């Protein structure tokens, strides 16, 4: 509740100032969108897709195998002996466990690579933001997700993307 009150108070203060601070302009920036919309992010996603293509194919194969075993268990539920059903159940559990394990590994590897990309891009982004602050006399940059409404001219996200692409 206190946070909501603070956000509302900030918005009212900004509105009363006519989107100008005493010493400079107010800007809105979506940092995540700026990073993800850059050319570097696009090529990174393509590179990541190629890098994990084989593992993803193996994961799909494991999923198909687990589904086939589950369907076979369901078809043979009343027809097979207890021993055969136990064997099918064990095969399914093994295949499904391997599918889950590899899926989690792949997800962790992707997350690590994405985090490394963000860490690599952060200094460039910070430099661009500092330059914009100086050049455009910006006194306050607000994260876009924290803003209820902002005039389109206050959003500098596209400018940041453009500058990231130039580097």
N, C-alpha and C. Protein backbone atom coordinates (compact mmCIF):
# COMPACT_ATOMS: atom_id res chain seq x y z
N UNK A 1 0.82 -1.19 0.00
CA UNK A 1 0.00 0.00 0.00
C UNK A 1 0.86 1.26 0.00
N UNK A 2 1.95 1.22 0.79
CA UNK A 2 2.85 2.37 0.84
C UNK A 2 3.49 2.61 -0.52
N UNK A 3 3.82 1.49 -1.19
CA UNK A 3 4.46 1.62 -2.50
C UNK A 3 3.51 2.24 -3.51
N UNK A 4 2.24 1.80 -3.48
CA UNK A 4 1.24 2.35 -4.38
C UNK A 4 1.06 3.83 -4.11
N UNK A 5 1.02 4.21 -2.85
CA UNK A 5 0.89 5.63 -2.49
C UNK A 5 2.08 6.43 -3.02
N UNK A 6 3.27 5.87 -2.90
CA UNK A 6 4.47 6.55 -3.38
C UNK A 6 4.44 6.71 -4.89
N UNK A 7 3.99 5.68 -5.60
CA UNK A 7 3.91 5.75 -7.07
C UNK A 7 2.88 6.80 -7.49
N UNK A 8 1.73 6.80 -6.83
CA UNK A 8 0.69 7.78 -7.16
C UNK A 8 1.19 9.19 -6.86
N UNK A 9 1.85 9.36 -5.73
CA UNK A 9 2.38 10.68 -5.38
C UNK A 9 3.41 11.15 -6.40
N UNK A 10 4.27 10.24 -6.83
CA UNK A 10 5.27 10.57 -7.84
C UNK A 10 4.61 10.97 -9.15
N UNK A 11 3.60 10.21 -9.55
CA UNK A 11 2.89 10.53 -10.79
C UNK A 11 2.22 11.90 -10.71
N UNK A 12 1.59 12.19 -9.59
CA UNK A 12 0.95 13.49 -9.42
C UNK A 12 1.97 14.61 -9.45
N UNK A 13 3.12 14.38 -8.82
CA UNK A 13 4.17 15.38 -8.81
C UNK A 13 4.66 15.63 -10.24
N UNK A 14 4.88 14.54 -10.98
CA UNK A 14 5.35 14.68 -12.36
C UNK A 14 4.32 15.40 -13.22
N UNK A 15 3.06 15.06 -13.02
CA UNK A 15 2.01 15.71 -13.81
C UNK A 15 1.94 17.19 -13.50
N UNK A 16 2.10 17.54 -12.25
CA UNK A 16 2.03 18.95 -11.88
C UNK A 16 3.22 19.74 -12.40
N UNK A 17 4.33 19.04 -12.65
CA UNK A 17 5.51 19.72 -13.16
C UNK A 17 5.48 19.83 -14.68
N UNK A 18 4.45 19.26 -15.30
CA UNK A 18 4.37 19.33 -16.76
C UNK A 18 5.48 18.52 -17.40
N UNK A 19 5.86 17.40 -16.78
CA UNK A 19 6.88 16.48 -17.28
C UNK A 19 8.25 17.14 -17.39
N UNK A 20 8.46 18.21 -16.66
CA UNK A 20 9.77 18.84 -16.61
C UNK A 20 10.23 18.92 -15.17
N UNK A 21 11.44 18.50 -14.92
CA UNK A 21 12.02 18.67 -13.61
C UNK A 21 12.68 20.05 -13.58
N UNK A 22 13.07 20.47 -12.42
CA UNK A 22 13.66 21.80 -12.30
C UNK A 22 14.92 21.93 -13.15
N UNK A 23 15.70 20.86 -13.23
CA UNK A 23 16.96 20.96 -13.95
C UNK A 23 16.97 20.20 -15.26
N UNK A 24 15.90 19.53 -15.63
CA UNK A 24 15.92 18.79 -16.88
C UNK A 24 14.63 18.05 -17.13
N UNK A 25 14.63 17.29 -18.19
CA UNK A 25 13.44 16.57 -18.65
C UNK A 25 13.27 15.25 -17.91
N UNK A 26 12.07 14.72 -18.02
CA UNK A 26 11.73 13.41 -17.48
C UNK A 26 11.60 12.47 -18.67
N UNK A 27 12.09 11.26 -18.53
CA UNK A 27 12.01 10.28 -19.62
C UNK A 27 11.54 8.94 -19.08
N UNK A 28 10.98 8.15 -19.97
CA UNK A 28 10.52 6.80 -19.64
C UNK A 28 11.33 5.84 -20.49
N UNK A 29 11.77 4.74 -19.86
CA UNK A 29 12.60 3.76 -20.59
C UNK A 29 12.22 2.35 -20.17
N UNK A 30 12.04 1.49 -21.17
CA UNK A 30 11.83 0.06 -20.94
C UNK A 30 13.16 -0.62 -21.26
N UNK A 31 13.95 -0.86 -20.23
CA UNK A 31 15.30 -1.39 -20.40
C UNK A 31 15.27 -2.76 -21.07
N UNK A 32 14.39 -3.63 -20.61
CA UNK A 32 14.32 -4.98 -21.18
C UNK A 32 13.95 -4.93 -22.66
N UNK A 33 12.96 -4.11 -23.01
CA UNK A 33 12.57 -3.99 -24.41
C UNK A 33 13.71 -3.44 -25.24
N UNK A 34 14.44 -2.47 -24.71
CA UNK A 34 15.56 -1.89 -25.43
C UNK A 34 16.61 -2.95 -25.73
N UNK A 35 16.91 -3.78 -24.74
CA UNK A 35 17.91 -4.83 -24.96
C UNK A 35 17.41 -5.89 -25.95
N UNK A 36 16.16 -6.31 -25.79
CA UNK A 36 15.63 -7.39 -26.62
C UNK A 36 15.31 -6.96 -28.05
N UNK A 37 15.09 -5.69 -28.27
CA UNK A 37 14.77 -5.20 -29.62
C UNK A 37 16.02 -4.85 -30.42
N UNK A 38 17.17 -4.89 -29.79
CA UNK A 38 18.40 -4.51 -30.49
C UNK A 38 18.81 -5.58 -31.51
N UNK A 39 19.61 -5.15 -32.47
CA UNK A 39 20.14 -6.08 -33.48
C UNK A 39 21.01 -7.15 -32.82
N UNK A 40 21.74 -6.76 -31.79
CA UNK A 40 22.59 -7.72 -31.08
C UNK A 40 21.75 -8.83 -30.45
N UNK A 41 20.58 -8.47 -29.92
CA UNK A 41 19.70 -9.47 -29.32
C UNK A 41 19.12 -10.40 -30.38
N UNK A 42 18.80 -9.85 -31.53
CA UNK A 42 18.26 -10.67 -32.61
C UNK A 42 19.30 -11.70 -33.07
N UNK A 43 20.52 -11.27 -33.27
CA UNK A 43 21.56 -12.22 -33.70
C UNK A 43 21.88 -13.20 -32.58
N UNK A 44 21.80 -12.75 -31.32
CA UNK A 44 22.03 -13.65 -30.19
C UNK A 44 20.97 -14.74 -30.16
N UNK A 45 19.69 -14.38 -30.37
CA UNK A 45 18.62 -15.39 -30.37
C UNK A 45 18.84 -16.42 -31.48
N UNK A 46 19.26 -15.95 -32.66
CA UNK A 46 19.53 -16.88 -33.78
C UNK A 46 20.69 -17.81 -33.44
N UNK A 47 21.74 -17.24 -32.85
CA UNK A 47 22.90 -18.03 -32.44
C UNK A 47 22.50 -19.06 -31.38
N UNK A 48 21.69 -18.64 -30.43
CA UNK A 48 21.24 -19.53 -29.35
C UNK A 48 20.39 -20.67 -29.92
N UNK A 49 19.55 -20.34 -30.88
CA UNK A 49 18.69 -21.35 -31.51
C UNK A 49 19.54 -22.41 -32.19
N UNK A 50 20.57 -21.97 -32.93
CA UNK A 50 21.47 -22.92 -33.60
C UNK A 50 22.25 -23.74 -32.59
N UNK A 51 22.71 -23.08 -31.53
CA UNK A 51 23.53 -23.75 -30.52
C UNK A 51 22.78 -24.88 -29.83
N UNK A 52 21.50 -24.67 -29.55
CA UNK A 52 20.73 -25.66 -28.79
C UNK A 52 19.80 -26.49 -29.66
N UNK A 53 19.95 -26.40 -30.97
CA UNK A 53 19.08 -27.11 -31.90
C UNK A 53 19.13 -28.63 -31.67
N UNK A 54 20.33 -29.19 -31.53
CA UNK A 54 20.47 -30.63 -31.33
C UNK A 54 19.85 -31.10 -30.03
N UNK A 55 20.09 -30.36 -28.94
CA UNK A 55 19.54 -30.72 -27.64
C UNK A 55 18.01 -30.64 -27.65
N UNK A 56 17.47 -29.65 -28.34
CA UNK A 56 16.02 -29.52 -28.42
C UNK A 56 15.41 -30.67 -29.21
N UNK A 57 16.09 -31.10 -30.26
CA UNK A 57 15.62 -32.24 -31.05
C UNK A 57 15.60 -33.51 -30.19
N UNK A 58 16.66 -33.70 -29.41
CA UNK A 58 16.72 -34.86 -28.51
C UNK A 58 15.61 -34.81 -27.47
N UNK A 59 15.32 -33.61 -26.99
CA UNK A 59 14.26 -33.44 -26.00
C UNK A 59 12.90 -33.79 -26.59
N UNK A 60 12.66 -33.39 -27.81
CA UNK A 60 11.40 -33.72 -28.50
C UNK A 60 11.30 -35.23 -28.68
N UNK A 61 12.41 -35.88 -29.04
CA UNK A 61 12.41 -37.33 -29.21
C UNK A 61 12.09 -38.04 -27.90
N UNK A 62 12.67 -37.55 -26.80
CA UNK A 62 12.39 -38.14 -25.49
C UNK A 62 10.91 -37.96 -25.12
N UNK A 63 10.37 -36.81 -25.45
CA UNK A 63 8.95 -36.57 -25.15
C UNK A 63 8.07 -37.54 -25.94
N UNK A 64 8.39 -37.74 -27.21
CA UNK A 64 7.63 -38.68 -28.04
C UNK A 64 7.72 -40.09 -27.48
N UNK A 65 8.92 -40.46 -27.06
CA UNK A 65 9.13 -41.79 -26.49
C UNK A 65 8.29 -41.97 -25.22
N UNK A 66 8.29 -40.99 -24.35
CA UNK A 66 7.52 -41.06 -23.11
C UNK A 66 6.02 -41.13 -23.40
N UNK A 67 5.56 -40.34 -24.37
CA UNK A 67 4.13 -40.38 -24.74
C UNK A 67 3.74 -41.74 -25.29
N UNK A 68 4.60 -42.29 -26.12
CA UNK A 68 4.30 -43.60 -26.72
C UNK A 68 4.21 -44.66 -25.63
N UNK A 69 5.11 -44.61 -24.67
CA UNK A 69 5.07 -45.59 -23.57
C UNK A 69 3.80 -45.40 -22.72
N UNK A 70 3.42 -44.17 -22.48
CA UNK A 70 2.20 -43.91 -21.69
C UNK A 70 0.97 -44.43 -22.43
N UNK A 71 0.91 -44.18 -23.73
CA UNK A 71 -0.22 -44.66 -24.53
C UNK A 71 -0.26 -46.19 -24.54
N UNK A 72 0.91 -46.81 -24.64
CA UNK A 72 0.98 -48.27 -24.63
C UNK A 72 0.49 -48.81 -23.29
N UNK A 73 0.87 -48.13 -22.20
CA UNK A 73 0.40 -48.55 -20.87
C UNK A 73 -1.13 -48.44 -20.78
N UNK A 74 -1.68 -47.36 -21.31
CA UNK A 74 -3.12 -47.17 -21.26
C UNK A 74 -3.86 -48.19 -22.11
N UNK A 75 -3.32 -48.52 -23.28
CA UNK A 75 -3.95 -49.51 -24.15
C UNK A 75 -3.94 -50.90 -23.53
N UNK A 76 -2.82 -51.23 -22.90
CA UNK A 76 -2.64 -52.58 -22.36
C UNK A 76 -3.05 -52.70 -20.90
N UNK A 77 -3.72 -51.71 -20.36
CA UNK A 77 -4.03 -51.67 -18.92
C UNK A 77 -4.74 -52.93 -18.44
N UNK A 78 -5.74 -53.39 -19.11
CA UNK A 78 -6.47 -54.58 -18.66
C UNK A 78 -6.04 -55.85 -19.36
N UNK A 79 -5.17 -55.74 -20.35
CA UNK A 79 -4.83 -56.89 -21.18
C UNK A 79 -3.50 -57.55 -20.79
N UNK A 80 -2.59 -56.78 -20.23
CA UNK A 80 -1.25 -57.29 -19.92
C UNK A 80 -1.17 -57.79 -18.49
N UNK A 81 -0.16 -58.61 -18.26
CA UNK A 81 0.06 -59.12 -16.90
C UNK A 81 0.64 -58.00 -16.03
N UNK A 82 0.60 -58.23 -14.73
CA UNK A 82 1.15 -57.24 -13.79
C UNK A 82 2.63 -57.00 -14.04
N UNK A 83 3.34 -58.08 -14.36
CA UNK A 83 4.78 -57.96 -14.62
C UNK A 83 5.05 -57.09 -15.85
N UNK A 84 4.31 -57.30 -16.93
CA UNK A 84 4.46 -56.49 -18.13
C UNK A 84 4.11 -55.03 -17.87
N UNK A 85 3.05 -54.81 -17.10
CA UNK A 85 2.63 -53.44 -16.77
C UNK A 85 3.69 -52.74 -15.91
N UNK A 86 4.26 -53.46 -14.96
CA UNK A 86 5.32 -52.89 -14.14
C UNK A 86 6.53 -52.52 -14.98
N UNK A 87 6.86 -53.40 -15.93
CA UNK A 87 8.00 -53.13 -16.81
C UNK A 87 7.72 -51.89 -17.68
N UNK A 88 6.51 -51.80 -18.23
CA UNK A 88 6.14 -50.62 -19.02
C UNK A 88 6.17 -49.35 -18.16
N UNK A 89 5.67 -49.45 -16.95
CA UNK A 89 5.65 -48.32 -16.03
C UNK A 89 7.06 -47.85 -15.72
N UNK A 90 7.97 -48.80 -15.51
CA UNK A 90 9.37 -48.46 -15.23
C UNK A 90 10.02 -47.78 -16.45
N UNK A 91 9.74 -48.33 -17.63
CA UNK A 91 10.28 -47.73 -18.86
C UNK A 91 9.76 -46.30 -19.03
N UNK A 92 8.46 -46.12 -18.77
CA UNK A 92 7.88 -44.78 -18.88
C UNK A 92 8.52 -43.83 -17.88
N UNK A 93 8.64 -44.25 -16.63
CA UNK A 93 9.23 -43.40 -15.60
C UNK A 93 10.66 -43.02 -15.94
N UNK A 94 11.41 -43.98 -16.49
CA UNK A 94 12.79 -43.71 -16.88
C UNK A 94 12.83 -42.69 -18.02
N UNK A 95 12.01 -42.90 -19.04
CA UNK A 95 11.99 -41.98 -20.19
C UNK A 95 11.49 -40.60 -19.77
N UNK A 96 10.45 -40.56 -18.95
CA UNK A 96 9.90 -39.28 -18.51
C UNK A 96 10.89 -38.55 -17.59
N UNK A 97 11.56 -39.29 -16.73
CA UNK A 97 12.57 -38.69 -15.85
C UNK A 97 13.72 -38.10 -16.64
N UNK A 98 14.16 -38.81 -17.66
CA UNK A 98 15.23 -38.31 -18.53
C UNK A 98 14.78 -37.06 -19.28
N UNK A 99 13.54 -37.09 -19.75
CA UNK A 99 12.97 -35.92 -20.44
C UNK A 99 12.97 -34.70 -19.51
N UNK A 100 12.51 -34.88 -18.30
CA UNK A 100 12.47 -33.77 -17.34
C UNK A 100 13.87 -33.27 -17.01
N UNK A 101 14.79 -34.19 -16.76
CA UNK A 101 16.15 -33.82 -16.39
C UNK A 101 16.82 -33.01 -17.51
N UNK A 102 16.72 -33.52 -18.73
CA UNK A 102 17.34 -32.82 -19.87
C UNK A 102 16.66 -31.48 -20.16
N UNK A 103 15.34 -31.44 -19.97
CA UNK A 103 14.61 -30.20 -20.16
C UNK A 103 15.07 -29.12 -19.17
N UNK A 104 15.26 -29.52 -17.93
CA UNK A 104 15.74 -28.58 -16.91
C UNK A 104 17.17 -28.13 -17.20
N UNK A 105 18.01 -29.07 -17.61
CA UNK A 105 19.39 -28.72 -17.97
C UNK A 105 19.42 -27.71 -19.12
N UNK A 106 18.63 -27.98 -20.14
CA UNK A 106 18.57 -27.10 -21.30
C UNK A 106 18.07 -25.71 -20.89
N UNK A 107 17.07 -25.68 -20.07
CA UNK A 107 16.52 -24.42 -19.59
C UNK A 107 17.57 -23.63 -18.79
N UNK A 108 18.33 -24.32 -17.96
CA UNK A 108 19.37 -23.67 -17.17
C UNK A 108 20.49 -23.13 -18.07
N UNK A 109 20.88 -23.94 -19.05
CA UNK A 109 21.92 -23.50 -19.98
C UNK A 109 21.49 -22.26 -20.76
N UNK A 110 20.24 -22.26 -21.22
CA UNK A 110 19.72 -21.10 -21.96
C UNK A 110 19.69 -19.87 -21.06
N UNK A 111 19.24 -20.05 -19.83
CA UNK A 111 19.17 -18.93 -18.89
C UNK A 111 20.57 -18.37 -18.60
N UNK A 112 21.55 -19.25 -18.48
CA UNK A 112 22.93 -18.79 -18.25
C UNK A 112 23.45 -18.00 -19.44
N UNK A 113 23.19 -18.49 -20.64
CA UNK A 113 23.64 -17.78 -21.84
C UNK A 113 22.94 -16.44 -21.98
N UNK A 114 21.63 -16.41 -21.67
CA UNK A 114 20.89 -15.15 -21.74
C UNK A 114 21.41 -14.16 -20.71
N UNK A 115 21.72 -14.64 -19.51
CA UNK A 115 22.25 -13.77 -18.47
C UNK A 115 23.62 -13.23 -18.89
N UNK A 116 24.43 -14.06 -19.51
CA UNK A 116 25.74 -13.62 -19.99
C UNK A 116 25.57 -12.53 -21.06
N UNK A 117 24.58 -12.70 -21.93
CA UNK A 117 24.31 -11.69 -22.96
C UNK A 117 23.91 -10.36 -22.32
N UNK A 118 23.01 -10.42 -21.36
CA UNK A 118 22.57 -9.19 -20.68
C UNK A 118 23.75 -8.53 -19.98
N UNK A 119 24.59 -9.32 -19.32
CA UNK A 119 25.77 -8.78 -18.63
C UNK A 119 26.73 -8.12 -19.62
N UNK A 120 26.84 -8.72 -20.80
CA UNK A 120 27.71 -8.18 -21.84
C UNK A 120 27.16 -6.86 -22.40
N UNK A 121 25.85 -6.78 -22.53
CA UNK A 121 25.21 -5.59 -23.11
C UNK A 121 25.03 -4.45 -22.10
N UNK A 122 25.01 -4.77 -20.84
CA UNK A 122 24.72 -3.77 -19.79
C UNK A 122 25.67 -2.58 -19.84
N UNK A 123 26.99 -2.76 -19.96
CA UNK A 123 27.88 -1.59 -20.03
C UNK A 123 27.57 -0.68 -21.23
N UNK A 124 27.26 -1.28 -22.38
CA UNK A 124 26.92 -0.49 -23.56
C UNK A 124 25.64 0.31 -23.31
N UNK A 125 24.65 -0.36 -22.72
CA UNK A 125 23.38 0.30 -22.42
C UNK A 125 23.59 1.44 -21.43
N UNK A 126 24.36 1.19 -20.39
CA UNK A 126 24.64 2.23 -19.39
C UNK A 126 25.33 3.44 -20.02
N UNK A 127 26.27 3.18 -20.91
CA UNK A 127 26.99 4.26 -21.59
C UNK A 127 26.03 5.11 -22.42
N UNK A 128 25.16 4.44 -23.16
CA UNK A 128 24.18 5.14 -24.00
C UNK A 128 23.24 5.99 -23.14
N UNK A 129 22.79 5.42 -22.05
CA UNK A 129 21.88 6.16 -21.15
C UNK A 129 22.59 7.38 -20.57
N UNK A 130 23.83 7.21 -20.14
CA UNK A 130 24.59 8.36 -19.59
C UNK A 130 24.75 9.46 -20.64
N UNK A 131 25.05 9.06 -21.88
CA UNK A 131 25.20 10.04 -22.96
C UNK A 131 23.89 10.77 -23.23
N UNK A 132 22.79 10.04 -23.23
CA UNK A 132 21.48 10.66 -23.45
C UNK A 132 21.13 11.62 -22.32
N UNK A 133 21.46 11.24 -21.10
CA UNK A 133 21.20 12.11 -19.95
C UNK A 133 21.90 13.45 -20.14
N UNK A 134 23.14 13.39 -20.56
CA UNK A 134 23.91 14.62 -20.76
C UNK A 134 23.42 15.41 -21.97
N UNK A 135 23.21 14.74 -23.09
CA UNK A 135 22.85 15.42 -24.33
C UNK A 135 21.44 16.02 -24.29
N UNK A 136 20.51 15.31 -23.67
CA UNK A 136 19.12 15.75 -23.68
C UNK A 136 18.69 16.38 -22.36
N UNK A 137 19.65 16.61 -21.46
CA UNK A 137 19.38 17.24 -20.17
C UNK A 137 18.24 16.53 -19.44
N UNK A 138 18.40 15.21 -19.27
CA UNK A 138 17.39 14.41 -18.59
C UNK A 138 17.70 14.40 -17.10
N UNK A 139 16.69 14.75 -16.30
CA UNK A 139 16.85 14.79 -14.85
C UNK A 139 16.36 13.50 -14.20
N UNK A 140 15.44 12.82 -14.86
CA UNK A 140 14.83 11.63 -14.25
C UNK A 140 14.44 10.66 -15.35
N UNK A 141 14.85 9.40 -15.18
CA UNK A 141 14.41 8.32 -16.07
C UNK A 141 13.62 7.35 -15.22
N UNK A 142 12.40 7.07 -15.65
CA UNK A 142 11.51 6.17 -14.92
C UNK A 142 11.34 4.89 -15.72
N UNK A 143 11.42 3.75 -15.03
CA UNK A 143 11.20 2.46 -15.67
C UNK A 143 9.77 2.40 -16.20
N UNK A 144 9.58 2.02 -17.44
CA UNK A 144 8.27 2.06 -18.09
C UNK A 144 7.22 1.24 -17.33
N UNK A 145 7.60 0.13 -16.74
CA UNK A 145 6.65 -0.71 -16.02
C UNK A 145 6.09 -0.02 -14.78
N UNK A 146 6.77 1.01 -14.29
CA UNK A 146 6.31 1.72 -13.10
C UNK A 146 5.41 2.90 -13.44
N UNK A 147 5.20 3.13 -14.72
CA UNK A 147 4.43 4.28 -15.17
C UNK A 147 3.03 3.86 -15.55
N UNK A 148 2.06 4.61 -15.09
CA UNK A 148 0.67 4.36 -15.46
C UNK A 148 0.39 4.98 -16.82
N UNK A 149 0.84 6.20 -17.01
CA UNK A 149 0.66 6.89 -18.28
C UNK A 149 1.84 7.83 -18.50
N UNK A 150 2.28 7.89 -19.75
CA UNK A 150 3.30 8.85 -20.14
C UNK A 150 3.03 9.26 -21.58
N UNK A 151 3.23 10.52 -21.88
CA UNK A 151 3.08 10.98 -23.25
C UNK A 151 4.12 10.25 -24.12
N UNK A 152 3.75 9.89 -25.33
CA UNK A 152 4.68 9.13 -26.19
C UNK A 152 6.05 9.78 -26.37
N UNK A 153 6.10 11.08 -26.35
CA UNK A 153 7.37 11.78 -26.53
C UNK A 153 8.34 11.59 -25.38
N UNK A 154 7.86 11.12 -24.24
CA UNK A 154 8.73 10.91 -23.09
C UNK A 154 9.45 9.56 -23.13
N UNK A 155 8.94 8.64 -23.94
CA UNK A 155 9.52 7.29 -24.01
C UNK A 155 10.77 7.32 -24.90
N UNK A 156 11.92 7.03 -24.31
CA UNK A 156 13.19 7.06 -25.04
C UNK A 156 13.66 5.67 -25.44
N UNK A 157 12.82 4.67 -25.27
CA UNK A 157 13.21 3.29 -25.55
C UNK A 157 13.67 3.12 -27.00
N UNK A 158 12.92 3.63 -27.94
CA UNK A 158 13.30 3.46 -29.36
C UNK A 158 14.61 4.17 -29.67
N UNK A 159 14.85 5.31 -29.04
CA UNK A 159 16.13 6.02 -29.26
C UNK A 159 17.29 5.19 -28.71
N UNK A 160 17.07 4.56 -27.56
CA UNK A 160 18.12 3.73 -26.96
C UNK A 160 18.41 2.54 -27.87
N UNK A 161 17.37 1.91 -28.42
CA UNK A 161 17.54 0.78 -29.35
C UNK A 161 18.34 1.23 -30.57
N UNK A 162 17.98 2.37 -31.11
CA UNK A 162 18.67 2.91 -32.28
C UNK A 162 20.16 3.12 -31.98
N UNK A 163 20.46 3.69 -30.82
CA UNK A 163 21.85 3.92 -30.45
C UNK A 163 22.60 2.62 -30.17
N UNK A 164 21.90 1.64 -29.59
CA UNK A 164 22.53 0.32 -29.38
C UNK A 164 22.89 -0.32 -30.72
N UNK A 165 22.03 -0.16 -31.68
CA UNK A 165 22.25 -0.76 -33.00
C UNK A 165 23.41 -0.11 -33.75
N UNK A 166 23.69 1.14 -33.43
CA UNK A 166 24.79 1.85 -34.08
C UNK A 166 26.15 1.41 -33.54
N UNK A 167 26.17 0.83 -32.38
CA UNK A 167 27.45 0.43 -31.78
C UNK A 167 27.95 -0.89 -32.32
